[in-house]
Amino acid sequence: MVHLITEVERLSNDYYKKYASNKTSLILADVLEDIIVHQGIEVIYIEIPKVDGEDRILNGMFFKHVDESVQPKIVINQLDTVRTQNFTLAHEWFHAILESEDLKRYAIQIQTNEELERAGDYFAASILMNQEAFVSYFEIIQGQPLEQQVFKLADIFKVPYVSVVT
């Protein structure tokens, strides 16, 4: 799993560098949907209520039709907070990348559905809270109480609080 995480981090860093510049203070969450749409993936926001008997609500899904002329889609649950929607969008984008990208430069080998989902979460966290940008902002606020740091970083990167803590 450590090797998988290393490769997913390399992938997220490469994508981050492709869309963000050290000349700007761009937070990728601000343009994530635009990037994904530009890649030919339709993003759809709908209300997906919790189904009786399910442990948790469905946050999103990626669909790719067998007919390649049909545009792939990412569906995001509108009932989630904007922060959760951002994280889910990045997570589902990972699934889209795995389906569409030539990944020969990356040794991403996923054996189980659990590994796939954890890798998607790691990609989302890594690309939305790029390590270099995260450290830069953290250094500015590191004297504040921990709770305030978490809230501030979640606000900056537009991610759920739990993403900052994990």
N, C-alpha and C. Protein backbone atom coordinates (compact mmCIF):
# COMPACT_ATOMS: atom_id res chain seq x y z
N MET A 1 0.83 -1.20 0.00
CA MET A 1 0.00 0.00 0.00
C MET A 1 0.87 1.26 0.00
N VAL A 2 2.03 1.21 0.64
CA VAL A 2 2.92 2.38 0.69
C VAL A 2 3.37 2.76 -0.72
N HIS A 3 3.70 1.74 -1.53
CA HIS A 3 4.12 2.02 -2.91
C HIS A 3 2.98 2.65 -3.71
N LEU A 4 1.77 2.15 -3.51
CA LEU A 4 0.59 2.71 -4.19
C LEU A 4 0.40 4.18 -3.82
N ILE A 5 0.49 4.49 -2.54
CA ILE A 5 0.32 5.87 -2.07
C ILE A 5 1.39 6.77 -2.67
N THR A 6 2.62 6.29 -2.74
CA THR A 6 3.72 7.07 -3.33
C THR A 6 3.42 7.40 -4.79
N GLU A 7 2.94 6.43 -5.53
CA GLU A 7 2.63 6.64 -6.94
C GLU A 7 1.41 7.56 -7.13
N VAL A 8 0.42 7.42 -6.27
CA VAL A 8 -0.75 8.30 -6.34
C VAL A 8 -0.32 9.74 -6.02
N GLU A 9 0.58 9.89 -5.07
CA GLU A 9 1.08 11.23 -4.75
C GLU A 9 1.85 11.82 -5.92
N ARG A 10 2.64 11.01 -6.60
CA ARG A 10 3.35 11.49 -7.80
C ARG A 10 2.35 11.95 -8.87
N LEU A 11 1.31 11.16 -9.07
CA LEU A 11 0.27 11.51 -10.04
C LEU A 11 -0.39 12.84 -9.65
N SER A 12 -0.77 12.98 -8.39
CA SER A 12 -1.44 14.21 -7.97
C SER A 12 -0.50 15.41 -8.08
N ASN A 13 0.77 15.23 -7.76
CA ASN A 13 1.73 16.34 -7.90
C ASN A 13 1.89 16.75 -9.35
N ASP A 14 1.95 15.77 -10.24
CA ASP A 14 2.08 16.08 -11.67
C ASP A 14 0.85 16.85 -12.17
N TYR A 15 -0.33 16.41 -11.76
CA TYR A 15 -1.56 17.11 -12.17
C TYR A 15 -1.64 18.48 -11.53
N TYR A 16 -1.23 18.60 -10.30
CA TYR A 16 -1.24 19.90 -9.63
C TYR A 16 -0.33 20.87 -10.38
N LYS A 17 0.87 20.42 -10.70
CA LYS A 17 1.83 21.29 -11.41
C LYS A 17 1.31 21.66 -12.80
N LYS A 18 0.54 20.78 -13.40
CA LYS A 18 -0.01 21.05 -14.73
C LYS A 18 -1.01 22.20 -14.69
N TYR A 19 -1.73 22.34 -13.57
CA TYR A 19 -2.80 23.33 -13.51
C TYR A 19 -2.54 24.49 -12.56
N ALA A 20 -1.59 24.36 -11.66
CA ALA A 20 -1.29 25.44 -10.72
C ALA A 20 0.13 25.93 -10.98
N SER A 21 0.36 27.16 -10.69
CA SER A 21 1.68 27.75 -10.92
C SER A 21 2.17 28.35 -9.61
N ASN A 22 3.47 28.28 -9.39
CA ASN A 22 4.00 28.91 -8.19
C ASN A 22 4.01 30.43 -8.32
N LYS A 23 3.61 30.94 -9.46
CA LYS A 23 3.51 32.39 -9.67
C LYS A 23 2.16 32.93 -9.20
N THR A 24 1.24 32.03 -8.86
CA THR A 24 -0.09 32.45 -8.42
C THR A 24 -0.38 31.83 -7.06
N SER A 25 -1.44 32.29 -6.46
CA SER A 25 -1.88 31.69 -5.21
C SER A 25 -3.11 30.81 -5.48
N LEU A 26 -3.14 30.22 -6.64
CA LEU A 26 -4.28 29.43 -7.06
C LEU A 26 -4.55 28.26 -6.11
N ILE A 27 -5.77 28.19 -5.65
CA ILE A 27 -6.24 27.04 -4.90
C ILE A 27 -7.02 26.20 -5.90
N LEU A 28 -6.58 25.00 -6.12
CA LEU A 28 -7.13 24.17 -7.19
C LEU A 28 -8.64 23.96 -7.06
N ALA A 29 -9.17 23.94 -5.85
CA ALA A 29 -10.61 23.76 -5.67
C ALA A 29 -11.41 24.84 -6.39
N ASP A 30 -10.81 26.02 -6.57
CA ASP A 30 -11.51 27.12 -7.24
C ASP A 30 -11.77 26.84 -8.71
N VAL A 31 -10.95 26.02 -9.33
CA VAL A 31 -11.09 25.77 -10.77
C VAL A 31 -11.19 24.28 -11.11
N LEU A 32 -11.34 23.44 -10.10
CA LEU A 32 -11.33 22.00 -10.32
C LEU A 32 -12.41 21.56 -11.32
N GLU A 33 -13.62 22.04 -11.12
CA GLU A 33 -14.69 21.66 -12.04
C GLU A 33 -14.37 22.11 -13.46
N ASP A 34 -13.82 23.30 -13.62
CA ASP A 34 -13.46 23.80 -14.95
C ASP A 34 -12.41 22.91 -15.62
N ILE A 35 -11.43 22.47 -14.85
CA ILE A 35 -10.39 21.58 -15.37
C ILE A 35 -11.00 20.28 -15.85
N ILE A 36 -11.88 19.73 -15.04
CA ILE A 36 -12.50 18.44 -15.36
C ILE A 36 -13.39 18.57 -16.60
N VAL A 37 -14.19 19.61 -16.66
CA VAL A 37 -15.06 19.84 -17.83
C VAL A 37 -14.21 20.04 -19.09
N HIS A 38 -13.11 20.75 -18.94
CA HIS A 38 -12.20 20.97 -20.08
C HIS A 38 -11.63 19.65 -20.61
N GLN A 39 -11.56 18.65 -19.76
CA GLN A 39 -11.09 17.33 -20.18
C GLN A 39 -12.18 16.49 -20.82
N GLY A 40 -13.35 17.08 -21.00
CA GLY A 40 -14.43 16.36 -21.68
C GLY A 40 -15.29 15.52 -20.76
N ILE A 41 -15.25 15.80 -19.48
CA ILE A 41 -16.06 15.06 -18.51
C ILE A 41 -17.17 15.98 -18.03
N GLU A 42 -18.40 15.52 -18.14
CA GLU A 42 -19.54 16.32 -17.67
C GLU A 42 -19.67 16.16 -16.16
N VAL A 43 -19.88 17.26 -15.45
CA VAL A 43 -20.09 17.23 -14.01
C VAL A 43 -21.55 17.58 -13.75
N ILE A 44 -22.22 16.68 -13.04
CA ILE A 44 -23.64 16.83 -12.76
C ILE A 44 -23.85 16.85 -11.25
N TYR A 45 -24.62 17.83 -10.78
CA TYR A 45 -24.95 17.93 -9.36
C TYR A 45 -26.42 17.56 -9.19
N ILE A 46 -26.68 16.52 -8.39
CA ILE A 46 -28.06 16.11 -8.10
C ILE A 46 -28.17 15.76 -6.62
N GLU A 47 -29.38 15.78 -6.12
CA GLU A 47 -29.63 15.37 -4.74
C GLU A 47 -29.71 13.86 -4.68
N ILE A 48 -28.84 13.27 -3.85
CA ILE A 48 -28.84 11.83 -3.66
C ILE A 48 -29.10 11.56 -2.17
N PRO A 49 -30.35 11.28 -1.81
CA PRO A 49 -30.65 11.05 -0.39
C PRO A 49 -30.09 9.71 0.08
N LYS A 50 -29.95 9.59 1.38
CA LYS A 50 -29.47 8.34 1.97
C LYS A 50 -30.55 7.28 1.76
N VAL A 51 -30.11 6.11 1.33
CA VAL A 51 -31.03 5.00 1.08
C VAL A 51 -31.19 4.21 2.38
N ASP A 52 -32.41 3.82 2.69
CA ASP A 52 -32.65 3.00 3.89
C ASP A 52 -31.78 1.76 3.85
N GLY A 53 -31.17 1.47 4.97
CA GLY A 53 -30.32 0.29 5.07
C GLY A 53 -28.87 0.55 4.73
N GLU A 54 -28.56 1.68 4.13
CA GLU A 54 -27.17 2.01 3.80
C GLU A 54 -26.50 2.66 5.00
N ASP A 55 -25.20 2.40 5.16
CA ASP A 55 -24.44 2.96 6.28
C ASP A 55 -24.23 4.46 6.14
N ARG A 56 -24.03 4.90 4.89
CA ARG A 56 -23.73 6.32 4.69
C ARG A 56 -24.31 6.79 3.37
N ILE A 57 -24.32 8.09 3.21
CA ILE A 57 -24.84 8.71 2.01
C ILE A 57 -23.83 8.54 0.86
N LEU A 58 -24.33 8.46 -0.35
CA LEU A 58 -23.47 8.38 -1.53
C LEU A 58 -23.04 9.79 -1.90
N ASN A 59 -21.72 10.02 -1.91
CA ASN A 59 -21.20 11.36 -2.19
C ASN A 59 -21.05 11.65 -3.67
N GLY A 60 -20.74 10.64 -4.47
CA GLY A 60 -20.56 10.86 -5.89
C GLY A 60 -20.23 9.59 -6.63
N MET A 61 -20.19 9.70 -7.96
CA MET A 61 -19.90 8.54 -8.82
C MET A 61 -19.24 9.02 -10.11
N PHE A 62 -18.46 8.14 -10.70
CA PHE A 62 -17.91 8.38 -12.04
C PHE A 62 -18.50 7.33 -12.97
N PHE A 63 -18.95 7.79 -14.13
CA PHE A 63 -19.51 6.89 -15.14
C PHE A 63 -18.78 7.07 -16.46
N LYS A 64 -18.41 5.96 -17.05
CA LYS A 64 -17.85 5.99 -18.39
C LYS A 64 -18.62 4.96 -19.21
N HIS A 65 -19.22 5.43 -20.28
CA HIS A 65 -20.04 4.57 -21.13
C HIS A 65 -19.13 3.71 -22.00
N VAL A 66 -19.60 2.52 -22.35
CA VAL A 66 -18.82 1.66 -23.23
C VAL A 66 -18.70 2.26 -24.63
N ASP A 67 -19.68 3.06 -25.01
CA ASP A 67 -19.64 3.78 -26.28
C ASP A 67 -18.82 5.06 -26.06
N GLU A 68 -17.63 5.11 -26.62
CA GLU A 68 -16.71 6.23 -26.36
C GLU A 68 -17.22 7.57 -26.89
N SER A 69 -18.28 7.55 -27.72
CA SER A 69 -18.84 8.83 -28.19
C SER A 69 -19.71 9.48 -27.11
N VAL A 70 -20.05 8.71 -26.08
CA VAL A 70 -20.84 9.24 -24.98
C VAL A 70 -19.89 9.82 -23.94
N GLN A 71 -20.12 11.08 -23.61
CA GLN A 71 -19.25 11.81 -22.68
C GLN A 71 -19.27 11.17 -21.29
N PRO A 72 -18.07 10.95 -20.68
CA PRO A 72 -18.03 10.45 -19.30
C PRO A 72 -18.65 11.48 -18.36
N LYS A 73 -19.11 11.00 -17.20
CA LYS A 73 -19.80 11.88 -16.26
C LYS A 73 -19.33 11.65 -14.84
N ILE A 74 -19.28 12.73 -14.10
CA ILE A 74 -19.09 12.66 -12.65
C ILE A 74 -20.34 13.25 -12.04
N VAL A 75 -20.96 12.48 -11.15
CA VAL A 75 -22.16 12.92 -10.46
C VAL A 75 -21.77 13.24 -9.02
N ILE A 76 -22.18 14.41 -8.55
CA ILE A 76 -21.86 14.88 -7.20
C ILE A 76 -23.16 15.10 -6.44
N ASN A 77 -23.18 14.67 -5.18
CA ASN A 77 -24.36 14.82 -4.34
C ASN A 77 -24.50 16.26 -3.86
N GLN A 78 -25.55 16.91 -4.31
CA GLN A 78 -25.84 18.30 -3.94
C GLN A 78 -26.20 18.46 -2.46
N LEU A 79 -26.55 17.37 -1.81
CA LEU A 79 -26.92 17.46 -0.40
C LEU A 79 -25.70 17.59 0.51
N ASP A 80 -24.51 17.31 -0.02
CA ASP A 80 -23.28 17.45 0.74
C ASP A 80 -22.88 18.91 0.85
N THR A 81 -22.02 19.21 1.81
CA THR A 81 -21.47 20.56 1.91
C THR A 81 -20.59 20.83 0.70
N VAL A 82 -20.33 22.10 0.41
CA VAL A 82 -19.48 22.46 -0.72
C VAL A 82 -18.10 21.85 -0.54
N ARG A 83 -17.59 21.82 0.67
CA ARG A 83 -16.27 21.23 0.93
C ARG A 83 -16.25 19.74 0.58
N THR A 84 -17.30 19.03 0.99
CA THR A 84 -17.38 17.60 0.67
C THR A 84 -17.55 17.41 -0.83
N GLN A 85 -18.32 18.28 -1.47
CA GLN A 85 -18.47 18.21 -2.92
C GLN A 85 -17.12 18.38 -3.62
N ASN A 86 -16.30 19.34 -3.16
CA ASN A 86 -14.97 19.54 -3.75
C ASN A 86 -14.13 18.28 -3.61
N PHE A 87 -14.12 17.71 -2.41
CA PHE A 87 -13.31 16.52 -2.17
C PHE A 87 -13.81 15.36 -3.03
N THR A 88 -15.13 15.20 -3.09
CA THR A 88 -15.71 14.12 -3.89
C THR A 88 -15.39 14.32 -5.37
N LEU A 89 -15.46 15.54 -5.85
CA LEU A 89 -15.14 15.82 -7.25
C LEU A 89 -13.70 15.40 -7.56
N ALA A 90 -12.77 15.75 -6.69
CA ALA A 90 -11.37 15.35 -6.90
C ALA A 90 -11.22 13.84 -6.82
N HIS A 91 -11.92 13.20 -5.89
CA HIS A 91 -11.88 11.74 -5.75
C HIS A 91 -12.39 11.06 -7.01
N GLU A 92 -13.52 11.52 -7.51
CA GLU A 92 -14.10 10.92 -8.72
C GLU A 92 -13.24 11.22 -9.95
N TRP A 93 -12.57 12.36 -9.96
CA TRP A 93 -11.64 12.68 -11.04
C TRP A 93 -10.53 11.65 -11.09
N PHE A 94 -10.08 11.20 -9.94
CA PHE A 94 -9.06 10.14 -9.89
C PHE A 94 -9.55 8.90 -10.64
N HIS A 95 -10.81 8.52 -10.39
CA HIS A 95 -11.37 7.37 -11.11
C HIS A 95 -11.37 7.61 -12.62
N ALA A 96 -11.71 8.84 -13.01
CA ALA A 96 -11.72 9.19 -14.43
C ALA A 96 -10.31 9.12 -15.02
N ILE A 97 -9.33 9.61 -14.28
CA ILE A 97 -7.94 9.57 -14.74
C ILE A 97 -7.49 8.12 -14.94
N LEU A 98 -7.86 7.26 -14.01
CA LEU A 98 -7.47 5.85 -14.14
C LEU A 98 -8.07 5.21 -15.38
N GLU A 99 -9.25 5.68 -15.78
CA GLU A 99 -9.91 5.13 -16.96
C GLU A 99 -9.38 5.71 -18.27
N SER A 100 -8.85 6.93 -18.23
CA SER A 100 -8.56 7.61 -19.49
C SER A 100 -7.08 7.88 -19.75
N GLU A 101 -6.31 7.95 -18.73
CA GLU A 101 -4.92 8.41 -18.85
C GLU A 101 -3.98 7.24 -19.13
N ASP A 102 -2.95 7.51 -19.91
CA ASP A 102 -1.88 6.54 -20.08
C ASP A 102 -1.03 6.60 -18.82
N LEU A 103 -1.17 5.60 -17.98
CA LEU A 103 -0.52 5.63 -16.67
C LEU A 103 0.80 4.85 -16.64
N LYS A 104 1.41 4.66 -17.80
CA LYS A 104 2.66 3.90 -17.84
C LYS A 104 3.77 4.53 -17.00
N ARG A 105 3.69 5.86 -16.80
CA ARG A 105 4.71 6.54 -15.98
C ARG A 105 4.50 6.28 -14.50
N TYR A 106 3.36 5.73 -14.14
CA TYR A 106 3.01 5.51 -12.75
C TYR A 106 2.79 4.02 -12.52
N ALA A 107 3.31 3.52 -11.43
CA ALA A 107 3.13 2.11 -11.10
C ALA A 107 1.93 1.98 -10.17
N ILE A 108 0.78 2.39 -10.67
CA ILE A 108 -0.44 2.32 -9.88
C ILE A 108 -1.12 0.99 -10.16
N GLN A 109 -1.02 0.12 -9.19
CA GLN A 109 -1.64 -1.20 -9.30
C GLN A 109 -2.56 -1.38 -8.11
N ILE A 110 -3.83 -1.44 -8.40
CA ILE A 110 -4.84 -1.52 -7.35
C ILE A 110 -5.46 -2.91 -7.39
N GLN A 111 -5.43 -3.56 -6.23
CA GLN A 111 -5.88 -4.94 -6.14
C GLN A 111 -7.33 -5.10 -5.68
N THR A 112 -7.79 -4.18 -4.81
CA THR A 112 -9.12 -4.33 -4.23
C THR A 112 -9.90 -3.02 -4.37
N ASN A 113 -11.19 -3.12 -4.19
CA ASN A 113 -12.04 -1.93 -4.22
C ASN A 113 -11.67 -0.99 -3.07
N GLU A 114 -11.33 -1.54 -1.92
CA GLU A 114 -10.92 -0.73 -0.77
C GLU A 114 -9.66 0.07 -1.11
N GLU A 115 -8.68 -0.56 -1.74
CA GLU A 115 -7.47 0.15 -2.17
C GLU A 115 -7.81 1.26 -3.16
N LEU A 116 -8.72 0.96 -4.08
CA LEU A 116 -9.14 1.95 -5.08
C LEU A 116 -9.74 3.18 -4.40
N GLU A 117 -10.62 2.96 -3.44
CA GLU A 117 -11.27 4.07 -2.77
C GLU A 117 -10.29 4.86 -1.90
N ARG A 118 -9.39 4.17 -1.19
CA ARG A 118 -8.39 4.89 -0.37
C ARG A 118 -7.43 5.67 -1.26
N ALA A 119 -7.06 5.10 -2.41
CA ALA A 119 -6.18 5.81 -3.35
C ALA A 119 -6.90 7.05 -3.89
N GLY A 120 -8.19 6.93 -4.17
CA GLY A 120 -8.96 8.09 -4.62
C GLY A 120 -9.02 9.18 -3.57
N ASP A 121 -9.20 8.78 -2.31
CA ASP A 121 -9.19 9.76 -1.21
C ASP A 121 -7.83 10.43 -1.09
N TYR A 122 -6.78 9.63 -1.21
CA TYR A 122 -5.44 10.19 -1.08
C TYR A 122 -5.14 11.16 -2.22
N PHE A 123 -5.56 10.79 -3.44
CA PHE A 123 -5.38 11.68 -4.58
C PHE A 123 -6.11 13.00 -4.33
N ALA A 124 -7.36 12.91 -3.88
CA ALA A 124 -8.16 14.12 -3.65
C ALA A 124 -7.48 15.01 -2.61
N ALA A 125 -7.05 14.44 -1.52
CA ALA A 125 -6.38 15.23 -0.48
C ALA A 125 -5.08 15.82 -1.00
N SER A 126 -4.33 15.03 -1.74
CA SER A 126 -3.02 15.48 -2.23
C SER A 126 -3.14 16.59 -3.27
N ILE A 127 -4.14 16.50 -4.12
CA ILE A 127 -4.24 17.51 -5.17
C ILE A 127 -4.91 18.79 -4.66
N LEU A 128 -5.86 18.65 -3.75
CA LEU A 128 -6.52 19.84 -3.22
C LEU A 128 -5.67 20.56 -2.17
N MET A 129 -4.90 19.77 -1.41
CA MET A 129 -4.03 20.35 -0.38
C MET A 129 -2.59 20.02 -0.73
N ASN A 130 -2.15 20.48 -1.87
CA ASN A 130 -0.79 20.22 -2.32
C ASN A 130 0.19 20.47 -1.18
N GLN A 131 1.10 19.54 -0.99
CA GLN A 131 1.99 19.58 0.17
C GLN A 131 2.75 20.90 0.29
N GLU A 132 3.31 21.37 -0.81
CA GLU A 132 4.09 22.61 -0.77
C GLU A 132 3.21 23.80 -0.37
N ALA A 133 2.03 23.90 -0.97
CA ALA A 133 1.12 24.99 -0.64
C ALA A 133 0.62 24.85 0.80
N PHE A 134 0.31 23.63 1.20
CA PHE A 134 -0.19 23.38 2.55
C PHE A 134 0.85 23.81 3.59
N VAL A 135 2.09 23.40 3.40
CA VAL A 135 3.15 23.75 4.34
C VAL A 135 3.34 25.27 4.39
N SER A 136 3.29 25.92 3.23
CA SER A 136 3.44 27.38 3.19
C SER A 136 2.38 28.07 4.04
N TYR A 137 1.12 27.67 3.87
CA TYR A 137 0.05 28.28 4.65
C TYR A 137 0.16 27.88 6.13
N PHE A 138 0.51 26.62 6.39
CA PHE A 138 0.63 26.16 7.76
C PHE A 138 1.69 26.95 8.52
N GLU A 139 2.80 27.24 7.87
CA GLU A 139 3.87 27.99 8.53
C GLU A 139 3.40 29.38 8.96
N ILE A 140 2.50 29.95 8.22
CA ILE A 140 1.98 31.28 8.56
C ILE A 140 1.10 31.22 9.81
N ILE A 141 0.33 30.15 9.97
CA ILE A 141 -0.65 30.09 11.06
C ILE A 141 -0.25 29.14 12.19
N GLN A 142 0.97 28.62 12.16
CA GLN A 142 1.33 27.58 13.12
C GLN A 142 1.29 28.00 14.58
N GLY A 143 1.32 29.28 14.88
CA GLY A 143 1.25 29.74 16.26
C GLY A 143 -0.16 29.74 16.83
N GLN A 144 -1.16 29.53 15.99
CA GLN A 144 -2.55 29.54 16.43
C GLN A 144 -2.91 28.20 17.09
N PRO A 145 -3.96 28.17 17.89
CA PRO A 145 -4.42 26.89 18.47
C PRO A 145 -4.76 25.89 17.36
N LEU A 146 -4.56 24.61 17.65
CA LEU A 146 -4.75 23.55 16.66
C LEU A 146 -6.12 23.62 15.99
N GLU A 147 -7.16 23.78 16.77
CA GLU A 147 -8.51 23.83 16.21
C GLU A 147 -8.64 24.96 15.19
N GLN A 148 -8.08 26.10 15.53
CA GLN A 148 -8.13 27.25 14.62
C GLN A 148 -7.31 26.98 13.36
N GLN A 149 -6.19 26.29 13.49
CA GLN A 149 -5.38 25.92 12.32
C GLN A 149 -6.18 25.04 11.37
N VAL A 150 -6.86 24.05 11.94
CA VAL A 150 -7.66 23.12 11.12
C VAL A 150 -8.75 23.88 10.38
N PHE A 151 -9.47 24.73 11.09
CA PHE A 151 -10.55 25.50 10.46
C PHE A 151 -10.00 26.40 9.36
N LYS A 152 -8.91 27.06 9.63
CA LYS A 152 -8.32 28.00 8.67
C LYS A 152 -7.84 27.25 7.42
N LEU A 153 -7.13 26.14 7.60
CA LEU A 153 -6.63 25.37 6.44
C LEU A 153 -7.78 24.78 5.63
N ALA A 154 -8.84 24.31 6.31
CA ALA A 154 -10.01 23.79 5.59
C ALA A 154 -10.67 24.91 4.78
N ASP A 155 -10.70 26.11 5.36
CA ASP A 155 -11.26 27.26 4.63
C ASP A 155 -10.42 27.60 3.40
N ILE A 156 -9.11 27.62 3.57
CA ILE A 156 -8.20 27.98 2.48
C ILE A 156 -8.32 26.99 1.33
N PHE A 157 -8.26 25.70 1.65
CA PHE A 157 -8.23 24.67 0.60
C PHE A 157 -9.61 24.16 0.21
N LYS A 158 -10.65 24.65 0.91
CA LYS A 158 -12.04 24.30 0.58
C LYS A 158 -12.29 22.80 0.64
N VAL A 159 -11.82 22.19 1.74
CA VAL A 159 -11.98 20.76 1.95
C VAL A 159 -12.66 20.53 3.30
N PRO A 160 -13.21 19.34 3.52
CA PRO A 160 -13.79 19.04 4.84
C PRO A 160 -12.72 19.11 5.93
N TYR A 161 -13.15 19.46 7.12
CA TYR A 161 -12.21 19.56 8.25
C TYR A 161 -11.43 18.27 8.45
N VAL A 162 -12.13 17.14 8.33
CA VAL A 162 -11.47 15.85 8.55
C VAL A 162 -10.32 15.62 7.57
N SER A 163 -10.40 16.20 6.39
CA SER A 163 -9.31 16.06 5.40
C SER A 163 -8.03 16.73 5.88
N VAL A 164 -8.17 17.82 6.59
CA VAL A 164 -7.00 18.53 7.11
C VAL A 164 -6.35 17.73 8.23
N VAL A 165 -7.17 17.11 9.06
CA VAL A 165 -6.68 16.39 10.22
C VAL A 165 -6.03 15.08 9.82
N THR A 166 -6.53 14.42 8.82
CA THR A 166 -6.02 13.11 8.44
C THR A 166 -4.81 13.19 7.67
